[in-house]
Amino acid sequence: RAGRLRPDFALMLVKHLMWFGRPAEAVELLDRTAEAAAAEGPDSVLAVSCVQARFGYFYPGAAPDWTGTVPVPRASTLTGATGKLRVRTANIVDAVHRGGVTEEAVTDAEAILQQHRLDDHTWESIIISLETLVLAECLDKAAEWCDGLLQEAEDRRVPTWRALLSAMRATISLRQGS
């Protein structure tokens, strides 16, 4: 609250607050971080807008209207996969949150699943991509991806990934009528 965290660390804390079901505190910190991010540059602004979009996706009833406060950038100065992953995930979340699954969101979700391996930096984007395929009724594709990722999580012995992917697989099965 004293503002001594760098924006990247503050966003990490926001994600943890969201994870542990503390949306009011997450919003407070996210608002403060958005102000500091503007001085840091476009990548900090991009990171804030991605977290804002994810907050709205995971807590739709508790999300303030951040429209226009920090726009979702469509490009990043980051090179390589990190910037593209952030932008694609933000675009997916923004589309789903604002009006439903679009063809572009499904294309981006499939690209994320094809281009990124499951790790500490990609798991959230991968889960969002799977959810997008489910919402788009691409259940067979979602099941195939989820099964492969679940096996990878089991092989690598990462219980959090296994739990998230098992829950996702249960959702897919339910939507398939099983």
N, C-alpha and C. Protein backbone atom coordinates (compact mmCIF):
# COMPACT_ATOMS: atom_id res chain seq x y z
N ARG A 1 0.82 -1.21 0.00
CA ARG A 1 0.00 0.00 0.00
C ARG A 1 0.85 1.26 0.00
N ALA A 2 2.10 1.14 0.42
CA ALA A 2 2.99 2.30 0.44
C ALA A 2 3.55 2.60 -0.94
N GLY A 3 3.29 1.75 -1.91
CA GLY A 3 3.74 2.00 -3.27
C GLY A 3 5.20 1.69 -3.52
N ARG A 4 5.78 0.81 -2.72
CA ARG A 4 7.20 0.51 -2.86
C ARG A 4 7.49 -0.70 -3.75
N LEU A 5 6.45 -1.37 -4.24
CA LEU A 5 6.67 -2.49 -5.14
C LEU A 5 6.75 -2.00 -6.58
N ARG A 6 7.69 -2.56 -7.34
CA ARG A 6 7.72 -2.30 -8.77
C ARG A 6 6.43 -2.84 -9.38
N PRO A 7 5.96 -2.26 -10.49
CA PRO A 7 4.71 -2.73 -11.09
C PRO A 7 4.67 -4.24 -11.38
N ASP A 8 5.78 -4.82 -11.83
CA ASP A 8 5.77 -6.25 -12.12
C ASP A 8 5.55 -7.09 -10.86
N PHE A 9 6.13 -6.68 -9.75
CA PHE A 9 5.92 -7.40 -8.49
C PHE A 9 4.52 -7.14 -7.94
N ALA A 10 4.03 -5.92 -8.11
CA ALA A 10 2.67 -5.60 -7.66
C ALA A 10 1.65 -6.44 -8.44
N LEU A 11 1.88 -6.62 -9.74
CA LEU A 11 0.96 -7.44 -10.53
C LEU A 11 1.00 -8.90 -10.11
N MET A 12 2.18 -9.36 -9.70
CA MET A 12 2.27 -10.72 -9.18
C MET A 12 1.41 -10.85 -7.92
N LEU A 13 1.47 -9.85 -7.07
CA LEU A 13 0.66 -9.84 -5.85
C LEU A 13 -0.84 -9.78 -6.20
N VAL A 14 -1.20 -8.97 -7.21
CA VAL A 14 -2.60 -8.90 -7.65
C VAL A 14 -3.08 -10.30 -8.06
N LYS A 15 -2.27 -11.00 -8.83
CA LYS A 15 -2.66 -12.35 -9.28
C LYS A 15 -2.86 -13.29 -8.09
N HIS A 16 -1.99 -13.16 -7.10
CA HIS A 16 -2.15 -14.00 -5.90
C HIS A 16 -3.42 -13.63 -5.13
N LEU A 17 -3.70 -12.36 -5.03
CA LEU A 17 -4.95 -11.94 -4.37
C LEU A 17 -6.17 -12.47 -5.11
N MET A 18 -6.12 -12.45 -6.44
CA MET A 18 -7.21 -13.02 -7.23
C MET A 18 -7.32 -14.51 -6.98
N TRP A 19 -6.19 -15.20 -6.96
CA TRP A 19 -6.16 -16.66 -6.76
C TRP A 19 -6.78 -17.04 -5.43
N PHE A 20 -6.51 -16.24 -4.40
CA PHE A 20 -7.00 -16.57 -3.07
C PHE A 20 -8.34 -15.92 -2.74
N GLY A 21 -9.05 -15.45 -3.78
CA GLY A 21 -10.41 -14.96 -3.59
C GLY A 21 -10.51 -13.65 -2.83
N ARG A 22 -9.60 -12.74 -3.09
CA ARG A 22 -9.62 -11.44 -2.44
C ARG A 22 -9.71 -10.33 -3.49
N PRO A 23 -10.83 -10.30 -4.21
CA PRO A 23 -10.94 -9.36 -5.34
C PRO A 23 -10.90 -7.89 -4.95
N ALA A 24 -11.46 -7.52 -3.83
CA ALA A 24 -11.47 -6.10 -3.43
C ALA A 24 -10.04 -5.59 -3.25
N GLU A 25 -9.21 -6.37 -2.59
CA GLU A 25 -7.81 -5.97 -2.40
C GLU A 25 -7.06 -5.98 -3.72
N ALA A 26 -7.39 -6.93 -4.59
CA ALA A 26 -6.76 -6.99 -5.91
C ALA A 26 -7.08 -5.74 -6.72
N VAL A 27 -8.33 -5.30 -6.69
CA VAL A 27 -8.74 -4.09 -7.43
C VAL A 27 -7.99 -2.88 -6.90
N GLU A 28 -7.92 -2.76 -5.59
CA GLU A 28 -7.22 -1.62 -4.98
C GLU A 28 -5.77 -1.56 -5.45
N LEU A 29 -5.08 -2.69 -5.38
CA LEU A 29 -3.68 -2.73 -5.79
C LEU A 29 -3.54 -2.55 -7.30
N LEU A 30 -4.44 -3.11 -8.06
CA LEU A 30 -4.38 -2.98 -9.51
C LEU A 30 -4.56 -1.53 -9.94
N ASP A 31 -5.46 -0.82 -9.29
CA ASP A 31 -5.63 0.60 -9.60
C ASP A 31 -4.36 1.40 -9.32
N ARG A 32 -3.73 1.12 -8.19
CA ARG A 32 -2.48 1.82 -7.84
C ARG A 32 -1.37 1.47 -8.82
N THR A 33 -1.34 0.20 -9.22
CA THR A 33 -0.30 -0.26 -10.12
C THR A 33 -0.47 0.34 -11.51
N ALA A 34 -1.70 0.53 -11.94
CA ALA A 34 -1.96 1.13 -13.25
C ALA A 34 -1.37 2.53 -13.33
N GLU A 35 -1.46 3.27 -12.24
CA GLU A 35 -0.90 4.62 -12.22
C GLU A 35 0.62 4.58 -12.35
N ALA A 36 1.26 3.66 -11.63
CA ALA A 36 2.72 3.56 -11.66
C ALA A 36 3.22 3.00 -12.99
N ALA A 37 2.43 2.15 -13.62
CA ALA A 37 2.86 1.50 -14.86
C ALA A 37 3.04 2.49 -16.00
N ALA A 38 2.25 3.53 -16.02
CA ALA A 38 2.35 4.51 -17.10
C ALA A 38 3.74 5.13 -17.16
N ALA A 39 4.36 5.31 -16.01
CA ALA A 39 5.71 5.89 -15.96
C ALA A 39 6.78 4.87 -16.35
N GLU A 40 6.47 3.60 -16.24
CA GLU A 40 7.43 2.53 -16.53
C GLU A 40 7.59 2.28 -18.03
N GLY A 41 6.54 2.52 -18.81
CA GLY A 41 6.65 2.29 -20.24
C GLY A 41 5.58 1.35 -20.76
N PRO A 42 5.61 1.10 -22.09
CA PRO A 42 4.53 0.34 -22.73
C PRO A 42 4.40 -1.11 -22.26
N ASP A 43 5.49 -1.74 -21.89
CA ASP A 43 5.37 -3.13 -21.45
C ASP A 43 4.70 -3.23 -20.08
N SER A 44 4.93 -2.25 -19.21
CA SER A 44 4.22 -2.24 -17.93
C SER A 44 2.74 -1.96 -18.15
N VAL A 45 2.45 -1.05 -19.07
CA VAL A 45 1.04 -0.76 -19.40
C VAL A 45 0.38 -2.01 -19.95
N LEU A 46 1.08 -2.71 -20.82
CA LEU A 46 0.56 -3.96 -21.38
C LEU A 46 0.29 -4.97 -20.28
N ALA A 47 1.23 -5.13 -19.36
CA ALA A 47 1.05 -6.09 -18.26
C ALA A 47 -0.16 -5.74 -17.41
N VAL A 48 -0.34 -4.46 -17.10
CA VAL A 48 -1.50 -4.04 -16.30
C VAL A 48 -2.80 -4.31 -17.04
N SER A 49 -2.84 -3.97 -18.33
CA SER A 49 -4.08 -4.18 -19.09
C SER A 49 -4.42 -5.66 -19.19
N CYS A 50 -3.41 -6.52 -19.28
CA CYS A 50 -3.65 -7.96 -19.32
C CYS A 50 -4.25 -8.45 -18.00
N VAL A 51 -3.71 -7.97 -16.89
CA VAL A 51 -4.23 -8.38 -15.59
C VAL A 51 -5.63 -7.81 -15.38
N GLN A 52 -5.87 -6.59 -15.82
CA GLN A 52 -7.23 -6.03 -15.73
C GLN A 52 -8.23 -6.89 -16.51
N ALA A 53 -7.84 -7.29 -17.71
CA ALA A 53 -8.72 -8.12 -18.53
C ALA A 53 -8.98 -9.46 -17.84
N ARG A 54 -7.93 -10.05 -17.29
CA ARG A 54 -8.09 -11.33 -16.59
C ARG A 54 -8.96 -11.18 -15.35
N PHE A 55 -8.79 -10.06 -14.64
CA PHE A 55 -9.63 -9.83 -13.47
C PHE A 55 -11.10 -9.81 -13.88
N GLY A 56 -11.41 -9.08 -14.93
CA GLY A 56 -12.78 -9.02 -15.42
C GLY A 56 -13.31 -10.36 -15.86
N TYR A 57 -12.43 -11.21 -16.35
CA TYR A 57 -12.81 -12.55 -16.78
C TYR A 57 -13.10 -13.44 -15.58
N PHE A 58 -12.24 -13.39 -14.58
CA PHE A 58 -12.38 -14.27 -13.41
C PHE A 58 -13.36 -13.73 -12.37
N TYR A 59 -13.54 -12.42 -12.30
CA TYR A 59 -14.45 -11.79 -11.34
C TYR A 59 -15.36 -10.80 -12.06
N PRO A 60 -16.21 -11.26 -12.96
CA PRO A 60 -17.00 -10.33 -13.77
C PRO A 60 -17.90 -9.41 -12.95
N GLY A 61 -18.45 -9.88 -11.86
CA GLY A 61 -19.33 -9.04 -11.05
C GLY A 61 -18.59 -8.02 -10.21
N ALA A 62 -17.32 -8.25 -9.97
CA ALA A 62 -16.54 -7.37 -9.11
C ALA A 62 -15.62 -6.44 -9.90
N ALA A 63 -15.61 -6.58 -11.21
CA ALA A 63 -14.69 -5.79 -12.03
C ALA A 63 -15.19 -4.37 -12.23
N PRO A 64 -14.38 -3.39 -11.88
CA PRO A 64 -14.75 -2.01 -12.19
C PRO A 64 -14.68 -1.79 -13.71
N ASP A 65 -15.19 -0.69 -14.16
CA ASP A 65 -15.09 -0.36 -15.58
C ASP A 65 -13.76 0.34 -15.80
N TRP A 66 -12.78 -0.43 -16.28
CA TRP A 66 -11.47 0.14 -16.55
C TRP A 66 -11.36 0.64 -17.98
N THR A 67 -12.46 0.69 -18.70
CA THR A 67 -12.44 1.12 -20.09
C THR A 67 -11.78 2.48 -20.21
N GLY A 68 -10.76 2.53 -21.02
CA GLY A 68 -10.08 3.79 -21.27
C GLY A 68 -9.01 4.15 -20.25
N THR A 69 -8.98 3.48 -19.08
CA THR A 69 -7.97 3.82 -18.09
C THR A 69 -6.61 3.31 -18.54
N VAL A 70 -6.53 2.06 -18.93
CA VAL A 70 -5.32 1.48 -19.48
C VAL A 70 -5.77 0.60 -20.63
N PRO A 71 -5.67 1.08 -21.87
CA PRO A 71 -6.16 0.29 -23.00
C PRO A 71 -5.34 -0.97 -23.19
N VAL A 72 -5.99 -2.01 -23.72
CA VAL A 72 -5.28 -3.25 -24.02
C VAL A 72 -4.43 -2.99 -25.26
N PRO A 73 -3.11 -2.93 -25.10
CA PRO A 73 -2.26 -2.68 -26.25
C PRO A 73 -2.31 -3.86 -27.22
N ARG A 74 -2.14 -3.59 -28.47
CA ARG A 74 -2.14 -4.64 -29.48
C ARG A 74 -0.73 -4.99 -29.91
N ALA A 75 0.23 -4.35 -29.32
CA ALA A 75 1.62 -4.66 -29.65
C ALA A 75 2.46 -4.42 -28.41
N SER A 76 3.66 -4.96 -28.44
CA SER A 76 4.54 -4.84 -27.30
C SER A 76 5.96 -4.61 -27.78
N THR A 77 6.75 -3.95 -26.97
CA THR A 77 8.16 -3.80 -27.31
C THR A 77 8.93 -5.05 -26.92
N LEU A 78 8.30 -5.96 -26.19
CA LEU A 78 8.96 -7.22 -25.86
C LEU A 78 9.18 -8.02 -27.14
N THR A 79 10.33 -8.63 -27.22
CA THR A 79 10.59 -9.47 -28.38
C THR A 79 10.25 -10.91 -28.04
N GLY A 80 10.00 -11.68 -29.04
CA GLY A 80 9.77 -13.10 -28.84
C GLY A 80 8.38 -13.43 -28.36
N ALA A 81 8.27 -14.59 -27.76
CA ALA A 81 6.98 -15.18 -27.42
C ALA A 81 6.28 -14.49 -26.26
N THR A 82 7.02 -13.89 -25.34
CA THR A 82 6.39 -13.32 -24.15
C THR A 82 5.39 -12.22 -24.49
N GLY A 83 5.79 -11.28 -25.31
CA GLY A 83 4.88 -10.19 -25.68
C GLY A 83 3.69 -10.69 -26.47
N LYS A 84 3.93 -11.60 -27.41
CA LYS A 84 2.84 -12.15 -28.21
C LYS A 84 1.86 -12.92 -27.35
N LEU A 85 2.37 -13.69 -26.39
CA LEU A 85 1.50 -14.45 -25.50
C LEU A 85 0.63 -13.50 -24.68
N ARG A 86 1.22 -12.46 -24.12
CA ARG A 86 0.45 -11.49 -23.33
C ARG A 86 -0.65 -10.85 -24.16
N VAL A 87 -0.30 -10.41 -25.36
CA VAL A 87 -1.28 -9.74 -26.21
C VAL A 87 -2.39 -10.70 -26.62
N ARG A 88 -2.02 -11.90 -27.05
CA ARG A 88 -3.05 -12.88 -27.45
C ARG A 88 -3.98 -13.21 -26.31
N THR A 89 -3.43 -13.44 -25.14
CA THR A 89 -4.27 -13.77 -23.99
C THR A 89 -5.18 -12.60 -23.63
N ALA A 90 -4.63 -11.40 -23.63
CA ALA A 90 -5.45 -10.22 -23.33
C ALA A 90 -6.57 -10.06 -24.35
N ASN A 91 -6.27 -10.30 -25.62
CA ASN A 91 -7.29 -10.19 -26.65
C ASN A 91 -8.40 -11.21 -26.45
N ILE A 92 -8.03 -12.44 -26.10
CA ILE A 92 -9.03 -13.49 -25.84
C ILE A 92 -9.92 -13.09 -24.68
N VAL A 93 -9.30 -12.74 -23.57
CA VAL A 93 -10.04 -12.40 -22.36
C VAL A 93 -10.94 -11.19 -22.61
N ASP A 94 -10.41 -10.20 -23.30
CA ASP A 94 -11.18 -9.01 -23.59
C ASP A 94 -12.40 -9.35 -24.45
N ALA A 95 -12.22 -10.17 -25.47
CA ALA A 95 -13.34 -10.55 -26.35
C ALA A 95 -14.40 -11.33 -25.58
N VAL A 96 -13.98 -12.32 -24.81
CA VAL A 96 -14.93 -13.15 -24.07
C VAL A 96 -15.67 -12.31 -23.03
N HIS A 97 -14.94 -11.47 -22.33
CA HIS A 97 -15.54 -10.65 -21.27
C HIS A 97 -16.53 -9.63 -21.84
N ARG A 98 -16.20 -9.08 -22.97
CA ARG A 98 -17.02 -7.99 -23.52
C ARG A 98 -18.20 -8.46 -24.37
N GLY A 99 -18.13 -9.64 -24.96
CA GLY A 99 -19.26 -9.98 -25.82
C GLY A 99 -19.33 -11.42 -26.25
N GLY A 100 -18.43 -12.24 -25.82
CA GLY A 100 -18.49 -13.63 -26.21
C GLY A 100 -17.30 -14.04 -27.05
N VAL A 101 -17.26 -15.31 -27.35
CA VAL A 101 -16.13 -15.88 -28.08
C VAL A 101 -16.24 -15.52 -29.56
N THR A 102 -15.16 -14.98 -30.08
CA THR A 102 -15.10 -14.63 -31.50
C THR A 102 -14.23 -15.65 -32.23
N GLU A 103 -14.31 -15.63 -33.54
CA GLU A 103 -13.47 -16.52 -34.35
C GLU A 103 -11.99 -16.21 -34.11
N GLU A 104 -11.68 -14.92 -33.98
CA GLU A 104 -10.30 -14.51 -33.72
C GLU A 104 -9.82 -15.03 -32.35
N ALA A 105 -10.70 -15.01 -31.36
CA ALA A 105 -10.33 -15.52 -30.03
C ALA A 105 -10.03 -17.02 -30.10
N VAL A 106 -10.82 -17.76 -30.86
CA VAL A 106 -10.57 -19.20 -31.02
C VAL A 106 -9.25 -19.43 -31.74
N THR A 107 -8.98 -18.65 -32.77
CA THR A 107 -7.71 -18.77 -33.50
C THR A 107 -6.54 -18.48 -32.57
N ASP A 108 -6.66 -17.41 -31.78
CA ASP A 108 -5.59 -17.08 -30.83
C ASP A 108 -5.43 -18.17 -29.77
N ALA A 109 -6.52 -18.73 -29.29
CA ALA A 109 -6.45 -19.80 -28.28
C ALA A 109 -5.72 -21.01 -28.86
N GLU A 110 -6.06 -21.39 -30.07
CA GLU A 110 -5.39 -22.54 -30.70
C GLU A 110 -3.91 -22.25 -30.92
N ALA A 111 -3.58 -21.01 -31.29
CA ALA A 111 -2.18 -20.65 -31.49
C ALA A 111 -1.40 -20.74 -30.18
N ILE A 112 -2.01 -20.29 -29.09
CA ILE A 112 -1.34 -20.39 -27.79
C ILE A 112 -1.08 -21.85 -27.45
N LEU A 113 -2.06 -22.70 -27.63
CA LEU A 113 -1.90 -24.11 -27.31
C LEU A 113 -0.84 -24.78 -28.19
N GLN A 114 -0.74 -24.36 -29.43
CA GLN A 114 0.23 -24.95 -30.35
C GLN A 114 1.66 -24.44 -30.11
N GLN A 115 1.79 -23.20 -29.70
CA GLN A 115 3.10 -22.56 -29.67
C GLN A 115 3.76 -22.49 -28.30
N HIS A 116 3.03 -22.83 -27.23
CA HIS A 116 3.59 -22.65 -25.90
C HIS A 116 3.52 -23.93 -25.08
N ARG A 117 4.62 -24.24 -24.45
CA ARG A 117 4.70 -25.38 -23.56
C ARG A 117 4.21 -24.96 -22.17
N LEU A 118 3.63 -25.89 -21.47
CA LEU A 118 3.13 -25.64 -20.12
C LEU A 118 4.30 -25.33 -19.18
N ASP A 119 4.27 -24.13 -18.57
CA ASP A 119 5.27 -23.77 -17.57
C ASP A 119 4.68 -22.70 -16.64
N ASP A 120 5.48 -22.22 -15.72
CA ASP A 120 5.00 -21.25 -14.73
C ASP A 120 4.53 -19.94 -15.36
N HIS A 121 5.02 -19.62 -16.54
CA HIS A 121 4.65 -18.36 -17.18
C HIS A 121 3.52 -18.50 -18.19
N THR A 122 3.21 -19.74 -18.57
CA THR A 122 2.20 -19.94 -19.61
C THR A 122 0.93 -20.62 -19.14
N TRP A 123 0.93 -21.21 -17.95
CA TRP A 123 -0.21 -22.03 -17.54
C TRP A 123 -1.52 -21.25 -17.54
N GLU A 124 -1.49 -19.99 -17.11
CA GLU A 124 -2.72 -19.21 -17.06
C GLU A 124 -3.28 -18.97 -18.47
N SER A 125 -2.40 -18.64 -19.40
CA SER A 125 -2.83 -18.45 -20.79
C SER A 125 -3.34 -19.75 -21.40
N ILE A 126 -2.73 -20.85 -21.04
CA ILE A 126 -3.17 -22.16 -21.55
C ILE A 126 -4.55 -22.51 -21.01
N ILE A 127 -4.78 -22.28 -19.74
CA ILE A 127 -6.11 -22.56 -19.16
C ILE A 127 -7.16 -21.68 -19.81
N ILE A 128 -6.86 -20.41 -20.00
CA ILE A 128 -7.79 -19.50 -20.66
C ILE A 128 -8.07 -19.96 -22.09
N SER A 129 -7.05 -20.45 -22.78
CA SER A 129 -7.23 -20.95 -24.14
C SER A 129 -8.14 -22.17 -24.17
N LEU A 130 -7.95 -23.08 -23.22
CA LEU A 130 -8.83 -24.24 -23.13
C LEU A 130 -10.27 -23.82 -22.85
N GLU A 131 -10.44 -22.89 -21.92
CA GLU A 131 -11.79 -22.39 -21.60
C GLU A 131 -12.44 -21.75 -22.82
N THR A 132 -11.65 -21.07 -23.62
CA THR A 132 -12.17 -20.43 -24.83
C THR A 132 -12.67 -21.48 -25.82
N LEU A 133 -11.92 -22.56 -25.98
CA LEU A 133 -12.37 -23.64 -26.87
C LEU A 133 -13.66 -24.26 -26.34
N VAL A 134 -13.78 -24.40 -25.04
CA VAL A 134 -15.00 -24.95 -24.45
C VAL A 134 -16.18 -24.00 -24.72
N LEU A 135 -15.97 -22.72 -24.47
CA LEU A 135 -17.04 -21.75 -24.69
C LEU A 135 -17.45 -21.67 -26.16
N ALA A 136 -16.51 -21.96 -27.06
CA ALA A 136 -16.79 -21.94 -28.49
C ALA A 136 -17.36 -23.27 -28.97
N GLU A 137 -17.61 -24.19 -28.03
CA GLU A 137 -18.15 -25.53 -28.35
C GLU A 137 -17.20 -26.36 -29.20
N CYS A 138 -15.91 -26.10 -29.13
CA CYS A 138 -14.89 -26.92 -29.79
C CYS A 138 -14.43 -27.98 -28.79
N LEU A 139 -15.37 -28.80 -28.37
CA LEU A 139 -15.14 -29.70 -27.23
C LEU A 139 -14.14 -30.81 -27.55
N ASP A 140 -14.17 -31.36 -28.75
CA ASP A 140 -13.22 -32.42 -29.09
C ASP A 140 -11.79 -31.89 -29.09
N LYS A 141 -11.59 -30.72 -29.67
CA LYS A 141 -10.26 -30.10 -29.66
C LYS A 141 -9.83 -29.82 -28.23
N ALA A 142 -10.73 -29.25 -27.44
CA ALA A 142 -10.40 -28.92 -26.05
C ALA A 142 -10.03 -30.18 -25.27
N ALA A 143 -10.78 -31.27 -25.49
CA ALA A 143 -10.49 -32.53 -24.79
C ALA A 143 -9.13 -33.07 -25.18
N GLU A 144 -8.82 -33.02 -26.46
CA GLU A 144 -7.53 -33.53 -26.93
C GLU A 144 -6.37 -32.75 -26.33
N TRP A 145 -6.48 -31.42 -26.38
CA TRP A 145 -5.43 -30.59 -25.79
C TRP A 145 -5.33 -30.82 -24.29
N CYS A 146 -6.47 -30.86 -23.63
CA CYS A 146 -6.48 -31.00 -22.18
C CYS A 146 -5.87 -32.32 -21.75
N ASP A 147 -6.20 -33.39 -22.45
CA ASP A 147 -5.64 -34.71 -22.12
C ASP A 147 -4.12 -34.71 -22.23
N GLY A 148 -3.60 -34.12 -23.30
CA GLY A 148 -2.15 -34.05 -23.47
C GLY A 148 -1.48 -33.21 -22.40
N LEU A 149 -2.09 -32.08 -22.08
CA LEU A 149 -1.53 -31.21 -21.05
C LEU A 149 -1.62 -31.84 -19.67
N LEU A 150 -2.71 -32.55 -19.42
CA LEU A 150 -2.87 -33.23 -18.14
C LEU A 150 -1.80 -34.31 -17.98
N GLN A 151 -1.52 -35.03 -19.04
CA GLN A 151 -0.46 -36.04 -18.98
C GLN A 151 0.90 -35.39 -18.72
N GLU A 152 1.14 -34.26 -19.37
CA GLU A 152 2.39 -33.54 -19.15
C GLU A 152 2.50 -33.08 -17.70
N ALA A 153 1.42 -32.55 -17.14
CA ALA A 153 1.42 -32.11 -15.74
C ALA A 153 1.67 -33.28 -14.79
N GLU A 154 1.09 -34.43 -15.12
CA GLU A 154 1.31 -35.62 -14.28
C GLU A 154 2.75 -36.09 -14.39
N ASP A 155 3.28 -36.13 -15.62
CA ASP A 155 4.66 -36.56 -15.82
C ASP A 155 5.65 -35.65 -15.10
N ARG A 156 5.34 -34.36 -15.07
CA ARG A 156 6.24 -33.39 -14.43
C ARG A 156 5.94 -33.22 -12.95
N ARG A 157 4.91 -33.89 -12.46
CA ARG A 157 4.54 -33.89 -11.04
C ARG A 157 4.30 -32.48 -10.49
N VAL A 158 3.42 -31.75 -11.18
CA VAL A 158 3.05 -30.41 -10.74
C VAL A 158 1.58 -30.45 -10.31
N PRO A 159 1.32 -30.54 -9.01
CA PRO A 159 -0.04 -30.75 -8.53
C PRO A 159 -1.03 -29.62 -8.87
N THR A 160 -0.58 -28.38 -8.87
CA THR A 160 -1.49 -27.28 -9.19
C THR A 160 -1.97 -27.38 -10.63
N TRP A 161 -1.05 -27.64 -11.55
CA TRP A 161 -1.44 -27.80 -12.95
C TRP A 161 -2.37 -28.99 -13.11
N ARG A 162 -2.05 -30.08 -12.43
CA ARG A 162 -2.91 -31.27 -12.51
C ARG A 162 -4.31 -30.97 -12.02
N ALA A 163 -4.40 -30.23 -10.93
CA ALA A 163 -5.72 -29.89 -10.38
C ALA A 163 -6.51 -29.00 -11.35
N LEU A 164 -5.87 -27.97 -11.87
CA LEU A 164 -6.55 -27.07 -12.80
C LEU A 164 -6.97 -27.79 -14.07
N LEU A 165 -6.08 -28.61 -14.60
CA LEU A 165 -6.39 -29.33 -15.84
C LEU A 165 -7.42 -30.44 -15.59
N SER A 166 -7.40 -31.05 -14.43
CA SER A 166 -8.43 -32.05 -14.11
C SER A 166 -9.80 -31.40 -14.01
N ALA A 167 -9.86 -30.22 -13.41
CA ALA A 167 -11.13 -29.49 -13.35
C ALA A 167 -11.60 -29.10 -14.75
N MET A 168 -10.66 -28.67 -15.57
CA MET A 168 -11.01 -28.31 -16.95
C MET A 168 -11.50 -29.54 -17.71
N ARG A 169 -10.84 -30.66 -17.50
CA ARG A 169 -11.25 -31.89 -18.20
C ARG A 169 -12.64 -32.32 -17.74
N ALA A 170 -12.95 -32.14 -16.47
CA ALA A 170 -14.28 -32.46 -15.97
C ALA A 170 -15.33 -31.56 -16.61
N THR A 171 -15.01 -30.30 -16.77
CA THR A 171 -15.93 -29.36 -17.44
C THR A 171 -16.17 -29.79 -18.88
N ILE A 172 -15.11 -30.16 -19.56
CA ILE A 172 -15.23 -30.60 -20.95
C ILE A 172 -16.11 -31.85 -21.03
N SER A 173 -15.84 -32.81 -20.16
CA SER A 173 -16.64 -34.04 -20.15
C SER A 173 -18.10 -33.76 -19.88
N LEU A 174 -18.37 -32.88 -18.94
CA LEU A 174 -19.76 -32.52 -18.63
C LEU A 174 -20.43 -31.89 -19.85
N ARG A 175 -19.73 -30.98 -20.52
CA ARG A 175 -20.28 -30.33 -21.71
C ARG A 175 -20.48 -31.32 -22.86
N GLN A 176 -19.69 -32.42 -22.84
CA GLN A 176 -19.85 -33.46 -23.86
C GLN A 176 -20.96 -34.45 -23.49
N GLY A 177 -21.56 -34.25 -22.33
CA GLY A 177 -22.66 -35.11 -21.92
C GLY A 177 -22.24 -36.30 -21.08
N SER A 178 -21.00 -36.31 -20.66
CA SER A 178 -20.50 -37.43 -19.84
C SER A 178 -20.47 -37.03 -18.38
